[in-house]
Protein backbone atom coordinates (compact mmCIF):
# COMPACT_ATOMS: atom_id res chain seq x y z
CA UNK A 1 127.25 -150.95 41.86
CA UNK A 2 127.17 -153.73 44.18
CA UNK A 3 127.13 -151.20 47.24
CA UNK A 4 123.98 -149.20 45.50
CA UNK A 5 122.38 -152.75 45.15
CA UNK A 6 122.46 -153.74 48.68
CA UNK A 7 121.20 -150.30 50.10
CA UNK A 8 118.45 -150.35 47.71
CA UNK A 9 117.58 -154.15 48.96
CA UNK A 10 118.05 -152.88 52.58
CA UNK A 11 115.23 -150.07 51.63
CA UNK A 12 113.06 -152.60 50.12
CA UNK A 13 113.36 -154.81 53.08
CA UNK A 14 112.97 -151.86 55.88
CA UNK A 15 109.36 -150.96 53.66
CA UNK A 16 108.38 -154.51 53.98
CA UNK A 17 109.10 -154.70 57.50
CA UNK A 18 107.23 -151.66 58.35
CA UNK A 19 104.07 -152.62 56.36
CA UNK A 20 101.34 -153.69 58.60
CA UNK A 21 100.72 -157.68 58.97
CA UNK A 22 97.89 -159.36 57.83
CA UNK A 23 96.53 -159.79 61.50
CA UNK A 24 93.08 -159.36 62.33
CA UNK A 25 93.54 -156.32 64.30
CA UNK A 26 95.63 -154.43 61.77
CA UNK A 27 93.77 -152.14 59.38
CA UNK A 28 93.86 -153.01 55.54
CA UNK A 29 95.73 -150.60 53.35
CA UNK A 30 92.95 -150.18 51.02
CA UNK A 31 89.48 -149.69 52.71
CA UNK A 32 86.95 -151.45 50.58
CA UNK A 33 83.39 -149.91 49.95
CA UNK A 34 81.22 -152.71 50.56
CA UNK A 35 78.00 -150.34 49.40
CA UNK A 36 79.87 -149.39 46.09
CA UNK A 37 80.49 -153.09 45.51
CA UNK A 38 77.02 -154.07 46.33
CA UNK A 39 75.64 -151.26 44.02
CA UNK A 40 78.09 -152.16 41.00
CA UNK A 41 76.70 -155.85 41.48
CA UNK A 42 72.99 -154.84 41.69
CA UNK A 43 73.56 -152.70 38.34
CA UNK A 44 75.30 -156.01 36.81
CA UNK A 45 71.84 -157.82 38.04
CA UNK A 46 69.69 -155.13 36.52
CA UNK A 47 71.37 -154.87 32.95
CA UNK A 48 71.38 -158.84 32.93
CA UNK A 49 75.13 -158.83 32.53
CA UNK A 50 75.82 -160.84 36.09
CA UNK A 51 76.26 -164.26 34.34
CA UNK A 52 78.74 -163.04 31.83
CA UNK A 53 80.45 -160.55 33.99
CA UNK A 54 80.86 -162.78 37.47
CA UNK A 55 79.81 -166.40 35.93
CA UNK A 56 76.63 -166.73 38.10
CA UNK A 57 73.04 -165.78 37.46
CA UNK A 58 71.78 -163.60 40.67
CA UNK A 59 68.50 -162.22 41.35
CA UNK A 60 67.95 -159.16 43.37
CA UNK A 61 66.60 -161.26 46.43
CA UNK A 62 69.82 -163.08 46.12
CA UNK A 63 71.80 -159.66 46.44
CA UNK A 64 70.11 -158.36 49.34
CA UNK A 65 70.80 -161.74 51.41
CA UNK A 66 74.62 -161.56 50.47
CA UNK A 67 77.12 -160.63 53.48
CA UNK A 68 80.12 -158.53 52.91
CA UNK A 69 82.25 -161.44 52.27
CA UNK A 70 80.26 -162.82 49.64
CA UNK A 71 79.84 -159.24 47.93
CA UNK A 72 83.46 -159.19 48.02
CA UNK A 73 83.73 -162.43 46.22
CA UNK A 74 81.60 -161.49 43.52
CA UNK A 75 82.93 -158.14 43.22
CA UNK A 76 86.41 -159.80 42.89
CA UNK A 77 85.24 -162.16 40.23
CA UNK A 78 83.71 -158.90 38.36
CA UNK A 79 87.18 -157.41 38.75
CA UNK A 80 88.95 -160.47 37.19
CA UNK A 81 86.48 -160.40 34.26
CA UNK A 82 87.05 -156.68 33.65
CA UNK A 83 90.77 -157.39 33.77
CA UNK A 84 90.66 -159.97 31.51
CA UNK A 85 88.44 -157.94 28.77
CA UNK A 86 90.76 -155.03 29.16
CA UNK A 87 93.88 -157.15 28.41
CA UNK A 88 92.09 -158.91 25.64
CA UNK A 89 91.11 -155.40 24.06
CA UNK A 90 94.32 -153.83 24.55
CA UNK A 91 96.37 -156.75 23.14
CA UNK A 92 94.20 -157.15 19.98
CA UNK A 93 94.43 -153.11 19.42
CA UNK A 94 97.92 -153.22 19.81
CA UNK A 95 98.73 -155.98 17.41
CA UNK A 96 96.65 -154.44 14.83
CA UNK A 97 98.36 -151.29 15.43
CA UNK A 98 101.52 -152.98 15.04
CA UNK A 99 100.57 -154.88 11.83
CA UNK A 100 99.48 -151.49 10.25
CA UNK A 101 102.81 -150.03 11.23
CA UNK A 102 104.88 -153.04 9.81
CA UNK A 103 102.89 -152.53 7.00
CA UNK A 104 104.11 -149.32 5.96
CA UNK A 105 107.59 -150.76 6.09
CA UNK A 106 107.01 -154.10 4.64
CA UNK A 107 104.41 -155.94 2.54
CA UNK A 108 102.20 -158.26 4.74
CA UNK A 109 100.75 -161.12 2.92
CA UNK A 110 97.73 -161.65 5.25
CA UNK A 111 97.35 -159.21 8.13
CA UNK A 112 94.59 -161.01 9.69
CA UNK A 113 96.40 -164.43 9.72
CA UNK A 114 99.43 -162.81 11.17
CA UNK A 115 97.07 -161.07 13.89
CA UNK A 116 95.72 -164.62 14.79
CA UNK A 117 98.94 -166.31 14.68
CA UNK A 118 100.30 -163.56 16.86
CA UNK A 119 97.41 -163.73 19.33
CA UNK A 120 97.53 -167.31 19.58
CA UNK A 121 101.20 -167.05 20.54
CA UNK A 122 101.32 -167.77 24.55
CA UNK A 123 104.70 -165.92 24.88
CA UNK A 124 103.52 -162.79 23.03
CA UNK A 125 100.36 -162.93 24.72
CA UNK A 126 101.60 -163.33 28.12
CA UNK A 127 104.06 -160.50 27.58
CA UNK A 128 101.30 -158.24 26.36
CA UNK A 129 98.90 -159.22 29.09
CA UNK A 130 101.77 -158.14 31.29
CA UNK A 131 102.31 -154.84 29.71
CA UNK A 132 98.46 -154.28 29.64
CA UNK A 133 98.13 -154.70 33.46
CA UNK A 134 101.43 -152.42 34.31
CA UNK A 135 99.67 -149.79 31.80
CA UNK A 136 95.98 -150.53 33.61
CA UNK A 137 97.87 -149.50 37.08
CA UNK A 138 99.61 -146.57 35.99
CA UNK A 139 96.99 -144.74 33.71
CA UNK A 140 93.90 -145.96 35.24
CA UNK A 141 90.95 -144.25 33.89
CA UNK A 142 93.00 -143.13 31.17
CA UNK A 143 93.29 -146.32 29.57
CA UNK A 144 90.12 -145.59 27.84
CA UNK A 145 91.66 -142.71 25.79
CA UNK A 146 94.54 -144.79 24.93
CA UNK A 147 92.50 -147.66 23.86
CA UNK A 148 90.36 -145.19 21.75
CA UNK A 149 93.50 -144.12 19.80
CA UNK A 150 94.35 -147.79 19.37
CA UNK A 151 91.11 -148.32 17.95
CA UNK A 152 91.22 -145.41 15.57
CA UNK A 153 94.46 -146.87 14.07
CA UNK A 154 92.12 -149.99 12.94
CA UNK A 155 90.25 -147.66 10.97
CA UNK A 156 93.10 -145.74 9.29
CA UNK A 157 94.33 -146.94 5.84
CA UNK A 158 98.24 -147.46 6.38
CA UNK A 159 98.60 -148.67 2.80
CA UNK A 160 101.82 -147.76 1.29
CA UNK A 161 100.58 -145.95 -2.07
CA UNK A 162 99.12 -142.99 0.19
CA UNK A 163 102.47 -142.50 1.94
CA UNK A 164 105.14 -143.34 -0.72
CA UNK A 165 106.53 -140.62 -2.82
CA UNK A 166 106.58 -141.91 -6.42
CA UNK A 167 110.11 -142.02 -7.86
CA UNK A 168 110.23 -139.87 -11.54
CA UNK A 169 110.49 -141.90 -14.59
CA UNK A 170 113.81 -142.71 -15.70
CA UNK A 171 115.50 -140.33 -18.11
CA UNK A 172 115.38 -142.24 -21.35
CA UNK A 173 114.03 -139.45 -23.40
CA UNK A 174 114.57 -138.82 -27.22
CA UNK A 175 116.29 -135.65 -27.60
CA UNK A 176 113.51 -134.54 -30.04
CA UNK A 177 110.87 -134.84 -27.35
CA UNK A 178 112.80 -132.31 -25.08
CA UNK A 179 112.82 -128.91 -26.70
CA UNK A 180 116.24 -127.82 -24.91
CA UNK A 181 117.80 -130.64 -26.04
CA UNK A 182 116.70 -130.63 -29.72
CA UNK A 183 119.09 -129.53 -32.32
CA UNK A 184 117.62 -126.86 -34.36
CA UNK A 185 117.02 -127.29 -38.00
CA UNK A 186 119.03 -124.90 -40.12
CA UNK A 187 117.21 -123.93 -43.29
CA UNK A 188 119.18 -125.17 -46.14
CA UNK A 189 120.47 -122.53 -48.38
CA UNK A 190 119.97 -122.59 -52.34
CA UNK A 191 122.98 -120.13 -52.71
CA UNK A 192 125.48 -122.93 -52.16
CA UNK A 193 125.37 -124.19 -55.83
């Protein structure tokens, strides 16, 4: 076991050493498309969502004068905004789903209060944020489909009466009410005199 761990550590170290350094003459691992970034920022300006998405009110004139570094800076702000909103939405949807699933098994007194308390808990929010980020990296654009599924669960009635099978009533029945158990009446005979 220890030999396997050291082999894996050596492999990781070799990968780290073989990666290009951050020197100016080395090429970045991911080529940034400045024109794409400019276009996205221009869309934010046109729709009036630049202030909300990147925290700065921009005009088209300002956008035209941006250097590539300024475009990257504002685009990174936009990515941070999108990441935060994605995490918030996924966390809220997952908690709602989990509370609905819990409601199937046990009775939840106040689902809204429980969801608010869970969302305000630092540890839970932090862990769910990490998981949402990991999910976003793995799934990419498929995240929208996952979120649709989670949102749909918000609108499904998971209340127990629809899911539980009713137990039959107890067997406290009078013998006269059940025909097979009723004692047949024998007509009285008048010849016995």
